[in-house]
Amino acid sequence: MMNALFTVVLTECLKIRKSKIFYISVISFLFLPLVCSLFMFIAMHPDLAQKSGIITQKAKIISVAGWQSYLGLISQMISVGGIILFGFITSWTFGREYSDGTIKDLLALPLARSIIITAKFISVILWSTFLAITAFLVATIIGVLISIPGFNMQIYLINAGTYSVCSLIAIFLSSPIAYFACFFDRHHWCNSNICMVEICRSTIKLN
């Protein structure tokens, strides 16, 4: 069973990597550190921002320009934006089987339906984790490049832990949010709702 699960997970990961949506998701997640670093840069240089006409109201949410505020803002961004982006990833992973017309072929495979649905959720978790780690590493690099003051390894590790917890919560909350998003959307995203129902229904019947 473990060999079958590993094979299906590997297949799902290969399908994700070869899809255009994978690269779109990477670019989308890069906006998180870019926006946070922009707010931090404005907070560090308010005079320069005012002279250049940049709106500084958004940057006022940062009380003190430093790594503590910077990393805290990133954790807040992943908590809010991550749920939406992770939800889209979950919806796409399940919905593509229906939209591509491969749902019947998938259910016809000589595999337990529980293995198929578990493999898809594992691939979603791996994909989402990769995006979260990439965004945090990019944020760290940008923070070093713009010389954010007050770097401390202890502060960095504590906020990295907070970011990890926020990311995991957003990842696991994305499934029901994607489900309800599919329920209320009668267009393309509704396909994932039907796909998830069919797979879960088959799993219940077999088990």
Protein backbone atom coordinates (compact mmCIF):
# COMPACT_ATOMS: atom_id res chain seq x y z
CA MET A 1 0.00 0.00 0.00
CA MET A 2 2.82 2.40 0.86
CA ASN A 3 4.50 1.72 -2.49
CA ALA A 4 1.26 2.46 -4.31
CA LEU A 5 0.74 5.64 -2.32
CA PHE A 6 4.30 6.80 -3.02
CA THR A 7 3.85 6.12 -6.74
CA VAL A 8 0.60 8.08 -6.93
CA VAL A 9 2.07 10.99 -4.94
CA LEU A 10 5.08 11.06 -7.26
CA THR A 11 2.78 11.05 -10.28
CA GLU A 12 0.72 13.91 -8.87
CA CYS A 13 3.86 15.93 -8.15
CA LEU A 14 5.12 15.42 -11.69
CA LYS A 15 1.77 16.56 -13.10
CA ILE A 16 1.91 19.65 -10.91
CA ARG A 17 5.49 20.49 -11.88
CA LYS A 18 4.72 20.23 -15.59
CA SER A 19 1.63 22.43 -15.37
CA LYS A 20 1.58 26.18 -15.97
CA ILE A 21 -0.34 26.76 -12.76
CA PHE A 22 2.73 25.71 -10.78
CA TYR A 23 4.80 28.60 -12.11
CA ILE A 24 1.86 30.96 -11.75
CA SER A 25 1.56 29.98 -8.08
CA VAL A 26 5.27 30.61 -7.51
CA ILE A 27 5.01 34.09 -9.04
CA SER A 28 1.87 34.81 -7.02
CA PHE A 29 3.54 33.86 -3.75
CA LEU A 30 6.52 36.06 -4.52
CA PHE A 31 4.20 39.05 -4.20
CA LEU A 32 3.95 38.40 -0.44
CA PRO A 33 7.60 39.18 0.37
CA LEU A 34 7.68 41.95 -2.25
CA VAL A 35 4.71 43.77 -0.72
CA CYS A 36 6.02 43.32 2.83
CA SER A 37 9.47 44.57 1.86
CA LEU A 38 7.91 47.58 0.11
CA PHE A 39 5.99 48.49 3.29
CA MET A 40 9.15 48.06 5.33
CA PHE A 41 11.18 50.19 2.92
CA ILE A 42 8.58 52.97 3.16
CA ALA A 43 8.64 52.72 6.95
CA MET A 44 12.45 52.97 6.91
CA HIS A 45 12.50 55.94 4.50
CA PRO A 46 9.30 57.99 5.07
CA ASP A 47 10.83 61.22 3.73
CA LEU A 48 11.92 59.56 0.49
CA ALA A 49 8.51 57.97 0.10
CA GLN A 50 6.69 61.29 0.57
CA LYS A 51 8.93 63.11 -1.88
CA SER A 52 8.43 60.45 -4.54
CA GLY A 53 4.66 60.49 -4.05
CA ILE A 54 4.40 56.95 -2.67
CA ILE A 55 1.36 56.43 -0.42
CA THR A 56 2.56 55.79 3.12
CA GLN A 57 -0.77 55.02 4.80
CA LYS A 58 -0.36 51.27 4.33
CA ALA A 59 3.11 51.38 5.81
CA LYS A 60 1.77 52.87 9.04
CA ILE A 61 0.72 49.39 10.14
CA ILE A 62 4.43 48.84 10.85
CA SER A 63 5.10 50.42 14.23
CA VAL A 64 8.88 50.09 14.19
CA ALA A 65 11.05 49.40 11.17
CA GLY A 66 12.90 46.21 12.06
CA TRP A 67 13.05 42.48 11.55
CA GLN A 68 10.47 41.82 14.25
CA SER A 69 7.86 43.94 12.47
CA TYR A 70 8.95 42.72 9.05
CA LEU A 71 8.69 39.01 9.82
CA GLY A 72 5.50 39.56 11.79
CA LEU A 73 3.93 41.26 8.77
CA ILE A 74 4.91 38.33 6.56
CA SER A 75 3.22 35.92 8.98
CA GLN A 76 0.06 38.02 8.83
CA MET A 77 0.17 38.08 5.04
CA ILE A 78 0.55 34.30 4.78
CA SER A 79 -2.31 33.83 7.24
CA VAL A 80 -4.71 35.83 5.07
CA GLY A 81 -3.40 35.51 1.54
CA GLY A 82 -2.21 31.96 2.04
CA ILE A 83 -5.70 30.66 2.70
CA ILE A 84 -6.90 32.06 -0.63
CA LEU A 85 -3.89 30.87 -2.63
CA PHE A 86 -3.72 27.46 -0.94
CA GLY A 87 -7.46 27.11 -1.47
CA PHE A 88 -7.02 27.76 -5.17
CA ILE A 89 -4.26 25.14 -5.32
CA THR A 90 -6.47 22.56 -3.60
CA SER A 91 -9.39 23.39 -5.89
CA TRP A 92 -7.23 23.08 -9.01
CA THR A 93 -5.61 19.81 -7.93
CA PHE A 94 -8.96 18.07 -7.60
CA GLY A 95 -10.88 19.99 -10.27
CA ARG A 96 -8.45 19.34 -13.11
CA GLU A 97 -9.41 15.65 -13.17
CA TYR A 98 -13.00 16.60 -13.99
CA SER A 99 -12.22 19.49 -16.35
CA ASP A 100 -9.71 17.35 -18.28
CA GLY A 101 -12.19 14.49 -18.48
CA THR A 102 -9.88 12.07 -16.64
CA ILE A 103 -12.07 11.51 -13.58
CA LYS A 104 -13.51 8.24 -14.94
CA ASP A 105 -10.06 6.96 -15.84
CA LEU A 106 -8.84 7.89 -12.38
CA LEU A 107 -11.65 6.02 -10.64
CA ALA A 108 -11.09 3.02 -12.93
CA LEU A 109 -7.51 2.51 -11.75
CA PRO A 110 -6.88 -0.66 -9.70
CA LEU A 111 -6.20 1.41 -6.62
CA ALA A 112 -8.15 2.08 -3.47
CA ARG A 113 -9.96 5.41 -3.69
CA SER A 114 -8.54 6.29 -0.30
CA ILE A 115 -5.03 6.09 -1.81
CA ILE A 116 -5.97 8.42 -4.66
CA ILE A 117 -7.54 11.09 -2.47
CA THR A 118 -4.76 10.80 0.14
CA ALA A 119 -2.11 11.18 -2.56
CA LYS A 120 -3.80 14.31 -3.87
CA PHE A 121 -3.93 15.88 -0.43
CA ILE A 122 -0.28 14.99 0.19
CA SER A 123 0.72 16.58 -3.12
CA VAL A 124 -1.24 19.71 -2.17
CA ILE A 125 0.55 19.87 1.19
CA LEU A 126 3.97 19.41 -0.45
CA TRP A 127 3.19 22.04 -3.08
CA SER A 128 1.89 24.53 -0.53
CA THR A 129 4.83 23.92 1.81
CA PHE A 130 7.28 24.55 -1.02
CA LEU A 131 5.58 27.86 -1.83
CA ALA A 132 5.54 28.95 1.82
CA ILE A 133 9.25 28.14 2.30
CA THR A 134 10.17 29.87 -0.95
CA ALA A 135 8.28 33.02 0.05
CA PHE A 136 9.99 33.13 3.45
CA LEU A 137 13.47 32.62 1.98
CA VAL A 138 12.87 35.35 -0.61
CA ALA A 139 11.63 37.65 2.16
CA THR A 140 14.81 36.98 4.12
CA ILE A 141 17.02 37.74 1.12
CA ILE A 142 15.15 40.97 0.35
CA GLY A 143 15.35 41.99 4.00
CA VAL A 144 19.11 41.61 3.93
CA LEU A 145 19.40 43.51 0.63
CA ILE A 146 17.41 46.53 1.85
CA SER A 147 19.33 46.47 5.15
CA ILE A 148 16.45 46.16 7.59
CA PRO A 149 17.81 47.05 11.05
CA GLY A 150 17.69 45.01 14.23
CA PHE A 151 18.54 41.55 12.94
CA ASN A 152 18.81 38.97 15.70
CA MET A 153 19.04 35.22 15.21
CA GLN A 154 16.75 34.52 18.17
CA ILE A 155 14.11 36.91 16.83
CA TYR A 156 14.50 35.39 13.39
CA LEU A 157 14.02 31.81 14.60
CA ILE A 158 11.02 32.71 16.77
CA ASN A 159 9.31 34.48 13.87
CA ALA A 160 10.24 31.63 11.54
CA GLY A 161 8.39 29.30 13.89
CA THR A 162 5.39 31.63 13.96
CA TYR A 163 5.43 31.80 10.18
CA SER A 164 5.54 28.00 9.97
CA VAL A 165 2.53 27.64 12.25
CA CYS A 166 0.56 30.26 10.31
CA SER A 167 1.45 28.54 7.04
CA LEU A 168 0.37 25.10 8.28
CA ILE A 169 -2.91 26.47 9.59
CA ALA A 170 -3.58 28.20 6.25
CA ILE A 171 -2.75 25.01 4.35
CA PHE A 172 -5.12 22.84 6.36
CA LEU A 173 -7.87 25.48 6.31
CA SER A 174 -7.65 25.76 2.53
CA SER A 175 -9.54 22.52 1.87
CA PRO A 176 -12.96 23.53 3.25
CA ILE A 177 -12.56 27.06 1.89
CA ALA A 178 -11.85 25.68 -1.58
CA TYR A 179 -14.85 23.38 -1.23
CA PHE A 180 -17.26 26.20 -0.38
CA ALA A 181 -15.71 28.41 -3.06
CA CYS A 182 -16.52 25.68 -5.59
CA PHE A 183 -20.03 25.34 -4.19
CA PHE A 184 -20.90 29.01 -4.68
CA ASP A 185 -19.09 29.39 -7.99
CA ARG A 186 -21.11 27.87 -10.83
CA HIS A 187 -18.35 28.21 -13.39
CA HIS A 188 -14.96 26.51 -13.72
CA TRP A 189 -14.23 26.01 -10.02
CA CYS A 190 -17.42 24.01 -9.48
CA ASN A 191 -15.70 21.13 -11.26
CA SER A 192 -13.47 20.48 -8.25
CA ASN A 193 -16.53 20.25 -6.03
CA ILE A 194 -18.02 17.51 -8.21
CA CYS A 195 -14.69 15.71 -8.44
CA MET A 196 -14.18 15.68 -4.67
CA VAL A 197 -17.74 14.45 -4.09
CA GLU A 198 -17.35 11.62 -6.61
CA ILE A 199 -14.05 10.43 -5.17
CA CYS A 200 -15.26 10.63 -1.56
CA ARG A 201 -18.49 8.85 -2.50
CA SER A 202 -16.53 6.04 -4.16
CA THR A 203 -14.29 5.79 -1.12
CA ILE A 204 -17.29 5.41 1.20
CA LYS A 205 -18.81 2.71 -1.01
CA LEU A 206 -15.62 0.66 -1.19
CA ASN A 207 -14.79 1.02 2.49
